[in-house]
Amino acid sequence: MLKPSLPLRSLLFLQLLLLGVGLNSSVLTPSGNEDTTADLFLTSMNPGCLNVTTLPLPEVQCFVFNVEYMNCIWNSSSEPRPTNLTLHYWYKKSDNKVRECGHYLFSEAITSGCWFQKEEIYLYQTFVVQLRDPQEPKRQTEWELKLQNLVIPWAPENLTLQNLSESQLELKWNSRYLDHCLEHLVQYRSDRDRSWTVSDWGHECSS
C-alpha cells in the first residue's frame, strides 16, 4: 500500500537539509515552517558570514623619490571594512631582519602607506615588502621589488638653450641626482611638426 506523499513544505525542508544548510532541530516545528524559511534566507544573505581570510589584500606600490625618501602605498578603500593594515619589510641577502613600518601614512585615519627615510633605502638589494591584516593573522601577502627600477629623479634644473646654427641647437641642464647613472630623453619638434621626436641622450655617470 502506497503512503501519502509528503506536503510541499516538508519536501522543501528535506531538500534544504540535503544541501547542507545548518538548521537548529528545535526550530523545525510544524507551526514554524514559514518563519523558519524566512530565517534561512536572511542568514544566507548575512554579510557577516563572509570569510575575510580568503579576500586578497591590496597591492603595494613603492616609489623612490630621488633616493631621498621612499613611499610604499596601497589602496585602503578596497578593504570590505576599515582595517589598519600593517607593513613589514626586509632585504634579501642582508640581515633578513623583519621590521615593521616606522612611519605610516594615513587616509581618513586608516593606514594607506609607509614612508621610508634615506638611511632605510638600499637600492641594489632585493626589497621584500609584506602586507598583513592584524585582525586575520593568516591574511598576508608579500612582494619582491628591485628598488633601482623604481627611482623617480627630480626634474633637471637650469635648462639652457643655445642656437649653434640654423639646424643645430644645444641643450644644457643640471641634474639634482648625481649619485648614479641616469638616462635622459629629450622630446622636441618644430612649429611645422605635429608629432614629437625623441632623442636618447645617453647616460650621465658620476662617482
N, C-alpha and C. Protein backbone atom coordinates (compact mmCIF):
# COMPACT_ATOMS: atom_id res chain seq x y z
N MET A 1 0.85 -1.19 0.00
CA MET A 1 0.00 0.00 0.00
C MET A 1 0.88 1.24 0.00
N LEU A 2 0.60 2.17 -0.91
CA LEU A 2 1.39 3.39 -1.03
C LEU A 2 1.06 4.35 0.09
N LYS A 3 2.14 5.00 0.63
CA LYS A 3 1.92 6.01 1.66
C LYS A 3 1.61 7.34 1.00
N PRO A 4 0.82 8.19 1.67
CA PRO A 4 0.51 9.51 1.09
C PRO A 4 1.79 10.32 0.94
N SER A 5 1.83 11.12 -0.14
CA SER A 5 3.02 11.94 -0.41
C SER A 5 3.17 13.02 0.65
N LEU A 6 4.41 13.45 0.87
CA LEU A 6 4.69 14.49 1.85
C LEU A 6 4.20 15.84 1.36
N PRO A 7 3.76 16.71 2.27
CA PRO A 7 3.36 18.07 1.85
C PRO A 7 4.54 18.79 1.22
N LEU A 8 4.24 19.85 0.46
CA LEU A 8 5.27 20.61 -0.25
C LEU A 8 6.28 21.21 0.71
N ARG A 9 5.81 21.75 1.87
CA ARG A 9 6.73 22.36 2.82
C ARG A 9 7.68 21.34 3.40
N SER A 10 7.20 20.13 3.63
CA SER A 10 8.08 19.09 4.16
C SER A 10 9.16 18.75 3.15
N LEU A 11 8.79 18.68 1.87
CA LEU A 11 9.77 18.41 0.84
C LEU A 11 10.82 19.51 0.78
N LEU A 12 10.40 20.74 0.99
CA LEU A 12 11.33 21.88 0.97
C LEU A 12 12.37 21.74 2.06
N PHE A 13 11.93 21.36 3.25
CA PHE A 13 12.87 21.22 4.37
C PHE A 13 13.82 20.06 4.12
N LEU A 14 13.33 18.98 3.52
CA LEU A 14 14.20 17.86 3.22
C LEU A 14 15.27 18.26 2.22
N GLN A 15 14.92 19.05 1.23
CA GLN A 15 15.87 19.49 0.22
C GLN A 15 16.92 20.41 0.83
N LEU A 16 16.49 21.30 1.71
CA LEU A 16 17.44 22.21 2.35
C LEU A 16 18.44 21.44 3.20
N LEU A 17 17.97 20.42 3.89
CA LEU A 17 18.86 19.63 4.73
C LEU A 17 19.87 18.88 3.88
N LEU A 18 19.44 18.37 2.71
CA LEU A 18 20.37 17.67 1.83
C LEU A 18 21.41 18.60 1.25
N LEU A 19 21.06 19.86 1.08
CA LEU A 19 22.00 20.84 0.56
C LEU A 19 22.99 21.30 1.62
N GLY A 20 22.79 20.90 2.86
CA GLY A 20 23.77 21.20 3.89
C GLY A 20 23.52 22.50 4.61
N VAL A 21 22.34 23.06 4.52
CA VAL A 21 22.04 24.29 5.24
C VAL A 21 21.85 23.95 6.70
N GLY A 22 22.62 24.58 7.59
CA GLY A 22 22.55 24.25 9.01
C GLY A 22 21.29 24.77 9.66
N LEU A 23 20.49 23.88 10.24
CA LEU A 23 19.28 24.27 10.92
C LEU A 23 19.31 23.74 12.34
N ASN A 24 18.76 24.48 13.25
CA ASN A 24 18.62 24.02 14.62
C ASN A 24 17.39 23.12 14.69
N SER A 25 17.56 21.89 15.22
CA SER A 25 16.46 20.93 15.23
C SER A 25 15.28 21.44 16.04
N SER A 26 15.53 22.30 17.00
CA SER A 26 14.43 22.81 17.82
C SER A 26 13.55 23.78 17.05
N VAL A 27 14.06 24.29 15.90
CA VAL A 27 13.28 25.23 15.09
C VAL A 27 12.32 24.51 14.18
N LEU A 28 12.60 23.26 13.86
CA LEU A 28 11.79 22.54 12.90
C LEU A 28 10.51 22.03 13.57
N THR A 29 9.58 22.92 13.76
CA THR A 29 8.28 22.56 14.33
C THR A 29 7.22 22.79 13.28
N PRO A 30 6.15 22.00 13.31
CA PRO A 30 5.10 22.14 12.30
C PRO A 30 4.51 23.53 12.25
N SER A 31 4.51 24.23 13.38
CA SER A 31 3.86 25.55 13.40
C SER A 31 4.80 26.66 12.96
N GLY A 32 6.06 26.36 12.75
CA GLY A 32 7.00 27.44 12.43
C GLY A 32 7.66 27.30 11.09
N ASN A 33 7.00 26.61 10.15
CA ASN A 33 7.64 26.37 8.86
C ASN A 33 7.92 27.66 8.10
N GLU A 34 6.95 28.56 8.03
CA GLU A 34 7.12 29.77 7.24
C GLU A 34 8.17 30.68 7.87
N ASP A 35 8.15 30.80 9.19
CA ASP A 35 9.14 31.65 9.85
C ASP A 35 10.54 31.09 9.66
N THR A 36 10.66 29.78 9.70
CA THR A 36 11.97 29.16 9.55
C THR A 36 12.52 29.41 8.15
N THR A 37 11.65 29.35 7.14
CA THR A 37 12.09 29.62 5.78
C THR A 37 12.62 31.04 5.65
N ALA A 38 11.97 31.99 6.25
CA ALA A 38 12.42 33.38 6.21
C ALA A 38 13.75 33.54 6.92
N ASP A 39 13.91 32.86 8.05
CA ASP A 39 15.17 32.94 8.79
C ASP A 39 16.33 32.38 7.97
N LEU A 40 16.06 31.31 7.23
CA LEU A 40 17.10 30.72 6.40
C LEU A 40 17.57 31.71 5.34
N PHE A 41 16.67 32.41 4.70
CA PHE A 41 17.01 33.35 3.65
C PHE A 41 17.85 34.49 4.20
N LEU A 42 17.45 35.03 5.34
CA LEU A 42 18.19 36.15 5.93
C LEU A 42 19.58 35.72 6.36
N THR A 43 19.70 34.52 6.90
CA THR A 43 21.00 34.05 7.36
C THR A 43 21.95 33.86 6.19
N SER A 44 21.45 33.32 5.08
CA SER A 44 22.32 33.07 3.94
C SER A 44 22.81 34.36 3.30
N MET A 45 22.11 35.46 3.49
CA MET A 45 22.50 36.72 2.89
C MET A 45 23.25 37.62 3.86
N ASN A 46 23.52 37.15 5.06
CA ASN A 46 24.18 37.98 6.06
C ASN A 46 25.63 38.24 5.68
N PRO A 47 26.06 39.51 5.47
CA PRO A 47 27.44 39.80 5.07
C PRO A 47 28.44 39.34 6.11
N GLY A 48 28.03 39.19 7.36
CA GLY A 48 28.95 38.78 8.41
C GLY A 48 29.47 37.37 8.21
N CYS A 49 28.80 36.59 7.36
CA CYS A 49 29.23 35.22 7.11
C CYS A 49 30.39 35.16 6.12
N LEU A 50 30.77 36.29 5.51
CA LEU A 50 31.84 36.32 4.52
C LEU A 50 33.17 35.99 5.17
N ASN A 51 33.92 35.09 4.58
CA ASN A 51 35.22 34.69 5.11
C ASN A 51 36.27 35.68 4.65
N VAL A 52 36.67 36.57 5.54
CA VAL A 52 37.60 37.64 5.18
C VAL A 52 38.98 37.09 4.85
N THR A 53 39.34 35.95 5.42
CA THR A 53 40.68 35.41 5.21
C THR A 53 40.93 35.04 3.76
N THR A 54 39.88 34.86 2.96
CA THR A 54 40.05 34.49 1.56
C THR A 54 40.15 35.71 0.65
N LEU A 55 39.89 36.90 1.15
CA LEU A 55 39.94 38.10 0.32
C LEU A 55 41.38 38.53 0.09
N PRO A 56 41.74 38.90 -1.15
CA PRO A 56 43.11 39.35 -1.42
C PRO A 56 43.36 40.72 -0.81
N LEU A 57 44.58 40.94 -0.40
CA LEU A 57 44.98 42.24 0.13
C LEU A 57 45.31 43.17 -1.03
N PRO A 58 45.19 44.48 -0.85
CA PRO A 58 45.52 45.41 -1.93
C PRO A 58 47.00 45.35 -2.28
N GLU A 59 47.32 45.68 -3.50
CA GLU A 59 48.71 45.65 -3.96
C GLU A 59 49.50 46.81 -3.38
N VAL A 60 50.74 46.55 -3.03
CA VAL A 60 51.63 47.59 -2.51
C VAL A 60 52.50 48.10 -3.66
N GLN A 61 52.57 49.42 -3.83
CA GLN A 61 53.42 50.04 -4.83
C GLN A 61 54.41 50.96 -4.14
N CYS A 62 55.68 50.84 -4.52
CA CYS A 62 56.74 51.63 -3.89
C CYS A 62 57.38 52.56 -4.93
N PHE A 63 57.69 53.79 -4.51
CA PHE A 63 58.34 54.78 -5.36
C PHE A 63 59.48 55.41 -4.57
N VAL A 64 60.67 55.42 -5.18
CA VAL A 64 61.85 56.01 -4.54
C VAL A 64 62.08 57.38 -5.16
N PHE A 65 61.90 58.43 -4.40
CA PHE A 65 61.98 59.79 -4.91
C PHE A 65 63.40 60.32 -4.74
N ASN A 66 64.12 60.35 -5.87
CA ASN A 66 65.47 60.92 -5.92
C ASN A 66 66.41 60.28 -4.90
N VAL A 67 66.07 59.08 -4.44
CA VAL A 67 66.82 58.36 -3.40
C VAL A 67 66.98 59.23 -2.15
N GLU A 68 65.98 60.08 -1.92
CA GLU A 68 65.95 60.88 -0.69
C GLU A 68 64.93 60.31 0.29
N TYR A 69 63.88 59.73 -0.24
CA TYR A 69 62.89 59.04 0.59
C TYR A 69 62.08 58.10 -0.31
N MET A 70 61.32 57.22 0.30
CA MET A 70 60.51 56.26 -0.45
C MET A 70 59.12 56.15 0.18
N ASN A 71 58.12 56.07 -0.67
CA ASN A 71 56.75 55.82 -0.23
C ASN A 71 56.28 54.47 -0.78
N CYS A 72 55.76 53.63 0.10
CA CYS A 72 55.09 52.40 -0.31
C CYS A 72 53.62 52.54 0.07
N ILE A 73 52.75 52.51 -0.91
CA ILE A 73 51.34 52.83 -0.68
C ILE A 73 50.44 51.69 -1.14
N TRP A 74 49.21 51.67 -0.62
CA TRP A 74 48.19 50.71 -1.04
C TRP A 74 46.82 51.38 -0.94
N ASN A 75 45.86 50.79 -1.61
CA ASN A 75 44.50 51.34 -1.65
C ASN A 75 43.71 50.84 -0.45
N SER A 76 43.64 51.63 0.60
CA SER A 76 42.94 51.21 1.81
C SER A 76 41.44 51.14 1.62
N SER A 77 40.89 51.86 0.63
CA SER A 77 39.44 51.85 0.41
C SER A 77 38.95 50.56 -0.22
N SER A 78 39.86 49.70 -0.69
CA SER A 78 39.45 48.44 -1.30
C SER A 78 39.08 47.38 -0.26
N GLU A 79 39.35 47.65 1.00
CA GLU A 79 39.02 46.70 2.05
C GLU A 79 37.52 46.66 2.31
N PRO A 80 36.94 45.48 2.60
CA PRO A 80 35.49 45.39 2.86
C PRO A 80 35.07 46.12 4.12
N ARG A 81 36.01 46.35 5.02
CA ARG A 81 35.73 47.10 6.24
C ARG A 81 36.99 47.89 6.58
N PRO A 82 36.86 49.03 7.27
CA PRO A 82 38.05 49.82 7.62
C PRO A 82 39.04 48.99 8.43
N THR A 83 40.24 48.83 7.90
CA THR A 83 41.25 48.00 8.55
C THR A 83 42.60 48.70 8.51
N ASN A 84 43.26 48.79 9.64
CA ASN A 84 44.61 49.33 9.70
C ASN A 84 45.60 48.21 9.37
N LEU A 85 45.84 48.03 8.08
CA LEU A 85 46.81 47.02 7.65
C LEU A 85 48.21 47.44 8.09
N THR A 86 49.06 46.46 8.36
CA THR A 86 50.43 46.75 8.77
C THR A 86 51.41 46.30 7.69
N LEU A 87 52.50 47.04 7.56
CA LEU A 87 53.51 46.74 6.56
C LEU A 87 54.80 46.31 7.25
N HIS A 88 55.35 45.18 6.80
CA HIS A 88 56.63 44.68 7.30
C HIS A 88 57.56 44.52 6.10
N TYR A 89 58.85 44.63 6.33
CA TYR A 89 59.80 44.58 5.21
C TYR A 89 61.14 44.03 5.67
N TRP A 90 61.93 43.58 4.69
CA TRP A 90 63.31 43.17 4.93
C TRP A 90 64.03 43.14 3.60
N TYR A 91 65.35 43.03 3.66
CA TYR A 91 66.18 42.95 2.47
C TYR A 91 66.78 41.56 2.36
N LYS A 92 66.65 40.97 1.16
CA LYS A 92 67.24 39.65 0.93
C LYS A 92 68.76 39.74 0.91
N LYS A 93 69.41 38.65 1.29
CA LYS A 93 70.87 38.56 1.31
C LYS A 93 71.48 39.65 2.20
N SER A 94 70.72 40.13 3.12
CA SER A 94 71.22 41.07 4.11
C SER A 94 71.06 40.41 5.47
N ASP A 95 70.67 41.16 6.48
CA ASP A 95 70.46 40.54 7.78
C ASP A 95 69.13 39.78 7.84
N ASN A 96 68.26 39.98 6.81
CA ASN A 96 66.95 39.33 6.75
C ASN A 96 66.10 39.62 7.99
N LYS A 97 66.41 40.69 8.67
CA LYS A 97 65.65 41.05 9.85
C LYS A 97 64.34 41.71 9.44
N VAL A 98 63.23 41.16 9.91
CA VAL A 98 61.91 41.70 9.57
C VAL A 98 61.62 42.91 10.45
N ARG A 99 61.28 44.01 9.80
CA ARG A 99 60.97 45.24 10.52
C ARG A 99 59.56 45.70 10.14
N GLU A 100 58.90 46.35 11.06
CA GLU A 100 57.61 46.96 10.76
C GLU A 100 57.81 48.41 10.39
N CYS A 101 56.93 48.91 9.56
CA CYS A 101 56.99 50.32 9.15
C CYS A 101 57.04 51.22 10.37
N GLY A 102 57.94 52.19 10.34
CA GLY A 102 58.08 53.11 11.46
C GLY A 102 57.34 54.42 11.28
N HIS A 103 56.93 54.72 10.03
CA HIS A 103 56.22 55.98 9.75
C HIS A 103 55.07 55.70 8.78
N TYR A 104 53.91 55.40 9.32
CA TYR A 104 52.75 55.09 8.48
C TYR A 104 52.14 56.35 7.88
N LEU A 105 51.59 56.19 6.67
CA LEU A 105 50.78 57.22 6.03
C LEU A 105 49.31 56.84 6.22
N PHE A 106 48.46 57.85 6.36
CA PHE A 106 47.05 57.59 6.67
C PHE A 106 46.13 58.27 5.66
N SER A 107 45.01 57.61 5.40
CA SER A 107 43.93 58.17 4.60
C SER A 107 42.64 58.00 5.38
N GLU A 108 42.08 59.10 5.83
CA GLU A 108 40.88 59.08 6.67
C GLU A 108 41.08 58.19 7.89
N ALA A 109 42.21 58.38 8.55
CA ALA A 109 42.55 57.70 9.81
C ALA A 109 42.81 56.20 9.64
N ILE A 110 42.94 55.73 8.39
CA ILE A 110 43.25 54.33 8.12
C ILE A 110 44.61 54.25 7.42
N THR A 111 45.45 53.31 7.82
CA THR A 111 46.77 53.19 7.20
C THR A 111 46.65 52.94 5.70
N SER A 112 47.44 53.69 4.92
CA SER A 112 47.39 53.55 3.47
C SER A 112 48.79 53.57 2.85
N GLY A 113 49.82 53.60 3.68
CA GLY A 113 51.17 53.61 3.14
C GLY A 113 52.22 53.70 4.22
N CYS A 114 53.47 53.69 3.77
CA CYS A 114 54.61 53.77 4.69
C CYS A 114 55.67 54.68 4.08
N TRP A 115 56.26 55.54 4.90
CA TRP A 115 57.32 56.45 4.46
C TRP A 115 58.66 55.96 4.98
N PHE A 116 59.65 55.88 4.07
CA PHE A 116 61.00 55.43 4.43
C PHE A 116 61.98 56.58 4.23
N GLN A 117 62.85 56.78 5.18
CA GLN A 117 63.87 57.80 5.03
C GLN A 117 65.07 57.24 4.26
N LYS A 118 65.97 58.12 3.88
CA LYS A 118 67.09 57.76 3.00
C LYS A 118 67.93 56.63 3.57
N GLU A 119 68.15 56.65 4.88
CA GLU A 119 69.01 55.65 5.51
C GLU A 119 68.41 54.24 5.48
N GLU A 120 67.13 54.14 5.16
CA GLU A 120 66.47 52.83 5.12
C GLU A 120 66.40 52.25 3.71
N ILE A 121 66.95 52.97 2.73
CA ILE A 121 66.85 52.57 1.33
C ILE A 121 68.17 51.98 0.85
N TYR A 122 68.12 50.74 0.35
CA TYR A 122 69.28 50.07 -0.24
C TYR A 122 68.89 49.66 -1.66
N LEU A 123 69.33 50.47 -2.64
CA LEU A 123 68.84 50.31 -4.00
C LEU A 123 69.13 48.95 -4.60
N TYR A 124 70.30 48.39 -4.35
CA TYR A 124 70.73 47.21 -5.09
C TYR A 124 70.62 45.93 -4.29
N GLN A 125 69.71 45.92 -3.34
CA GLN A 125 69.35 44.70 -2.63
C GLN A 125 67.86 44.44 -2.86
N THR A 126 67.50 43.17 -2.99
CA THR A 126 66.08 42.83 -3.22
C THR A 126 65.26 43.19 -1.99
N PHE A 127 64.27 44.03 -2.21
CA PHE A 127 63.42 44.55 -1.14
C PHE A 127 62.16 43.71 -1.06
N VAL A 128 61.90 43.12 0.09
CA VAL A 128 60.70 42.30 0.29
C VAL A 128 59.76 43.06 1.20
N VAL A 129 58.55 43.29 0.72
CA VAL A 129 57.56 44.01 1.50
C VAL A 129 56.35 43.10 1.71
N GLN A 130 55.82 43.12 2.92
CA GLN A 130 54.72 42.23 3.29
C GLN A 130 53.60 43.04 3.93
N LEU A 131 52.39 42.83 3.44
CA LEU A 131 51.21 43.50 3.99
C LEU A 131 50.43 42.49 4.81
N ARG A 132 50.01 42.91 6.01
CA ARG A 132 49.31 41.99 6.91
C ARG A 132 48.02 42.62 7.42
N ASP A 133 47.06 41.74 7.70
CA ASP A 133 45.82 42.14 8.37
C ASP A 133 45.93 41.69 9.82
N PRO A 134 46.12 42.61 10.77
CA PRO A 134 46.31 42.20 12.17
C PRO A 134 45.10 41.49 12.76
N GLN A 135 43.91 41.68 12.15
CA GLN A 135 42.71 41.02 12.66
C GLN A 135 42.57 39.60 12.11
N GLU A 136 43.29 39.30 11.03
CA GLU A 136 43.26 37.97 10.42
C GLU A 136 44.70 37.54 10.17
N PRO A 137 45.36 36.87 11.13
CA PRO A 137 46.78 36.53 11.01
C PRO A 137 47.15 35.75 9.74
N LYS A 138 46.22 34.96 9.20
CA LYS A 138 46.52 34.17 8.01
C LYS A 138 46.44 35.01 6.74
N ARG A 139 45.94 36.21 6.86
CA ARG A 139 45.74 37.06 5.68
C ARG A 139 46.95 37.99 5.51
N GLN A 140 47.86 37.60 4.65
CA GLN A 140 49.06 38.40 4.39
C GLN A 140 49.59 38.08 3.01
N THR A 141 50.22 39.06 2.39
CA THR A 141 50.79 38.91 1.05
C THR A 141 52.12 39.65 1.01
N GLU A 142 53.06 39.12 0.22
CA GLU A 142 54.35 39.78 0.11
C GLU A 142 54.77 39.91 -1.35
N TRP A 143 55.62 40.91 -1.59
CA TRP A 143 56.14 41.19 -2.92
C TRP A 143 57.64 41.38 -2.83
N GLU A 144 58.35 41.01 -3.90
CA GLU A 144 59.78 41.27 -4.02
C GLU A 144 59.99 42.38 -5.05
N LEU A 145 60.71 43.42 -4.67
CA LEU A 145 60.88 44.59 -5.52
C LEU A 145 62.36 44.91 -5.71
N LYS A 146 62.70 45.41 -6.89
CA LYS A 146 64.04 45.91 -7.17
C LYS A 146 63.96 47.44 -7.19
N LEU A 147 64.42 48.04 -6.12
CA LEU A 147 64.22 49.47 -5.92
C LEU A 147 64.93 50.31 -6.97
N GLN A 148 66.04 49.81 -7.54
CA GLN A 148 66.76 50.62 -8.53
C GLN A 148 65.91 50.89 -9.76
N ASN A 149 64.87 50.07 -9.98
CA ASN A 149 63.97 50.28 -11.12
C ASN A 149 62.77 51.15 -10.77
N LEU A 150 62.71 51.61 -9.53
CA LEU A 150 61.55 52.37 -9.08
C LEU A 150 61.91 53.80 -8.69
N VAL A 151 63.10 54.25 -9.10
CA VAL A 151 63.56 55.59 -8.74
C VAL A 151 62.91 56.64 -9.64
N ILE A 152 62.40 57.69 -9.02
CA ILE A 152 61.86 58.84 -9.74
C ILE A 152 62.74 60.04 -9.42
N PRO A 153 63.67 60.41 -10.32
CA PRO A 153 64.55 61.55 -10.03
C PRO A 153 63.80 62.87 -10.18
N TRP A 154 64.29 63.86 -9.46
CA TRP A 154 63.70 65.19 -9.61
C TRP A 154 63.98 65.72 -11.02
N ALA A 155 63.18 66.67 -11.44
CA ALA A 155 63.35 67.25 -12.77
C ALA A 155 64.69 68.00 -12.86
N PRO A 156 65.32 68.02 -14.04
CA PRO A 156 66.58 68.77 -14.20
C PRO A 156 66.38 70.26 -13.92
N GLU A 157 67.49 70.92 -13.56
CA GLU A 157 67.46 72.35 -13.25
C GLU A 157 68.35 73.11 -14.23
N ASN A 158 68.13 74.42 -14.29
CA ASN A 158 68.98 75.33 -15.08
C ASN A 158 69.09 74.89 -16.54
N LEU A 159 67.96 74.62 -17.14
CA LEU A 159 67.96 74.24 -18.56
C LEU A 159 68.26 75.47 -19.41
N THR A 160 69.25 75.36 -20.28
CA THR A 160 69.62 76.45 -21.18
C THR A 160 69.59 75.95 -22.62
N LEU A 161 69.27 76.84 -23.52
CA LEU A 161 69.16 76.53 -24.94
C LEU A 161 70.02 77.51 -25.73
N GLN A 162 70.88 76.98 -26.59
CA GLN A 162 71.76 77.83 -27.39
C GLN A 162 71.65 77.44 -28.85
N ASN A 163 71.50 78.44 -29.71
CA ASN A 163 71.39 78.21 -31.14
C ASN A 163 72.79 78.21 -31.74
N LEU A 164 73.28 77.04 -32.14
CA LEU A 164 74.62 76.93 -32.70
C LEU A 164 74.63 77.22 -34.20
N SER A 165 73.57 76.84 -34.89
CA SER A 165 73.46 77.10 -36.33
C SER A 165 71.99 77.03 -36.71
N GLU A 166 71.71 77.14 -38.00
CA GLU A 166 70.33 77.10 -38.44
C GLU A 166 69.70 75.72 -38.21
N SER A 167 70.51 74.71 -38.12
CA SER A 167 69.98 73.34 -37.97
C SER A 167 70.50 72.64 -36.72
N GLN A 168 71.06 73.41 -35.79
CA GLN A 168 71.65 72.77 -34.61
C GLN A 168 71.39 73.60 -33.36
N LEU A 169 70.87 72.93 -32.34
CA LEU A 169 70.63 73.55 -31.04
C LEU A 169 71.40 72.77 -29.97
N GLU A 170 71.79 73.48 -28.94
CA GLU A 170 72.48 72.83 -27.83
C GLU A 170 71.68 73.02 -26.54
N LEU A 171 71.43 71.92 -25.86
CA LEU A 171 70.72 71.95 -24.58
C LEU A 171 71.69 71.59 -23.46
N LYS A 172 71.58 72.31 -22.37
CA LYS A 172 72.37 72.00 -21.18
C LYS A 172 71.47 72.06 -19.95
N TRP A 173 71.75 71.21 -18.98
CA TRP A 173 70.97 71.22 -17.74
C TRP A 173 71.79 70.62 -16.62
N ASN A 174 71.34 70.83 -15.42
CA ASN A 174 71.95 70.26 -14.23
C ASN A 174 70.98 69.25 -13.62
N SER A 175 71.52 68.12 -13.22
CA SER A 175 70.69 67.10 -12.59
C SER A 175 70.81 67.21 -11.08
N ARG A 176 69.70 66.99 -10.40
CA ARG A 176 69.69 67.02 -8.93
C ARG A 176 70.00 65.66 -8.34
N TYR A 177 70.22 64.67 -9.19
CA TYR A 177 70.55 63.33 -8.72
C TYR A 177 71.85 62.91 -9.38
N LEU A 178 72.95 62.92 -8.63
CA LEU A 178 74.27 62.72 -9.22
C LEU A 178 74.99 61.50 -8.68
N ASP A 179 74.31 60.68 -7.92
CA ASP A 179 74.99 59.56 -7.28
C ASP A 179 75.21 58.38 -8.23
N HIS A 180 74.36 58.24 -9.23
CA HIS A 180 74.45 57.08 -10.12
C HIS A 180 74.12 57.52 -11.54
N CYS A 181 74.14 56.56 -12.43
CA CYS A 181 73.91 56.86 -13.84
C CYS A 181 72.44 57.18 -14.11
N LEU A 182 72.25 58.14 -14.99
CA LEU A 182 70.91 58.50 -15.43
C LEU A 182 70.85 58.44 -16.95
N GLU A 183 69.69 58.11 -17.45
CA GLU A 183 69.45 58.15 -18.89
C GLU A 183 68.43 59.25 -19.15
N HIS A 184 68.79 60.18 -20.04
CA HIS A 184 67.91 61.31 -20.34
C HIS A 184 67.27 61.13 -21.71
N LEU A 185 66.01 61.50 -21.80
CA LEU A 185 65.30 61.53 -23.07
C LEU A 185 64.85 62.96 -23.33
N VAL A 186 65.08 63.43 -24.55
CA VAL A 186 64.68 64.79 -24.93
C VAL A 186 63.64 64.70 -26.04
N GLN A 187 62.51 65.37 -25.83
CA GLN A 187 61.47 65.45 -26.85
C GLN A 187 61.51 66.83 -27.49
N TYR A 188 61.41 66.88 -28.80
CA TYR A 188 61.43 68.18 -29.48
C TYR A 188 60.63 68.09 -30.78
N ARG A 189 60.23 69.26 -31.26
CA ARG A 189 59.55 69.35 -32.55
C ARG A 189 59.59 70.81 -33.01
N SER A 190 59.43 71.02 -34.27
CA SER A 190 59.37 72.38 -34.82
C SER A 190 57.92 72.83 -34.87
N ASP A 191 57.71 74.09 -35.21
CA ASP A 191 56.34 74.59 -35.29
C ASP A 191 55.59 74.02 -36.49
N ARG A 192 56.30 73.32 -37.37
CA ARG A 192 55.67 72.71 -38.53
C ARG A 192 55.31 71.24 -38.29
N ASP A 193 55.85 70.68 -37.23
CA ASP A 193 55.61 69.26 -36.93
C ASP A 193 54.42 69.09 -36.01
N ARG A 194 53.74 67.99 -36.17
CA ARG A 194 52.62 67.65 -35.28
C ARG A 194 53.03 66.65 -34.21
N SER A 195 54.01 65.83 -34.53
CA SER A 195 54.45 64.81 -33.57
C SER A 195 55.82 65.18 -33.00
N TRP A 196 56.11 64.61 -31.83
CA TRP A 196 57.37 64.87 -31.16
C TRP A 196 58.43 63.87 -31.60
N THR A 197 59.66 64.34 -31.67
CA THR A 197 60.81 63.47 -31.90
C THR A 197 61.51 63.24 -30.57
N VAL A 198 61.87 61.99 -30.30
CA VAL A 198 62.50 61.63 -29.03
C VAL A 198 63.95 61.24 -29.28
N SER A 199 64.86 61.84 -28.53
CA SER A 199 66.28 61.51 -28.62
C SER A 199 66.77 60.96 -27.29
N ASP A 200 67.53 59.89 -27.38
CA ASP A 200 68.15 59.30 -26.19
C ASP A 200 69.48 60.02 -25.96
N TRP A 201 69.57 60.67 -24.82
CA TRP A 201 70.75 61.48 -24.53
C TRP A 201 71.85 60.69 -23.83
N GLY A 202 71.73 59.39 -23.85
CA GLY A 202 72.77 58.55 -23.26
C GLY A 202 72.75 58.58 -21.75
N HIS A 203 73.87 58.19 -21.16
CA HIS A 203 73.97 58.06 -19.71
C HIS A 203 74.93 59.10 -19.14
N GLU A 204 74.57 59.60 -18.00
CA GLU A 204 75.43 60.51 -17.26
C GLU A 204 75.82 59.82 -15.96
N CYS A 205 77.11 59.56 -15.80
CA CYS A 205 77.56 58.84 -14.61
C CYS A 205 78.46 59.73 -13.77
N SER A 206 78.21 59.71 -12.49
CA SER A 206 79.03 60.49 -11.57
C SER A 206 79.41 59.61 -10.41
N SER A 207 80.60 59.76 -9.95
CA SER A 207 81.06 58.97 -8.81
C SER A 207 80.80 59.70 -7.52
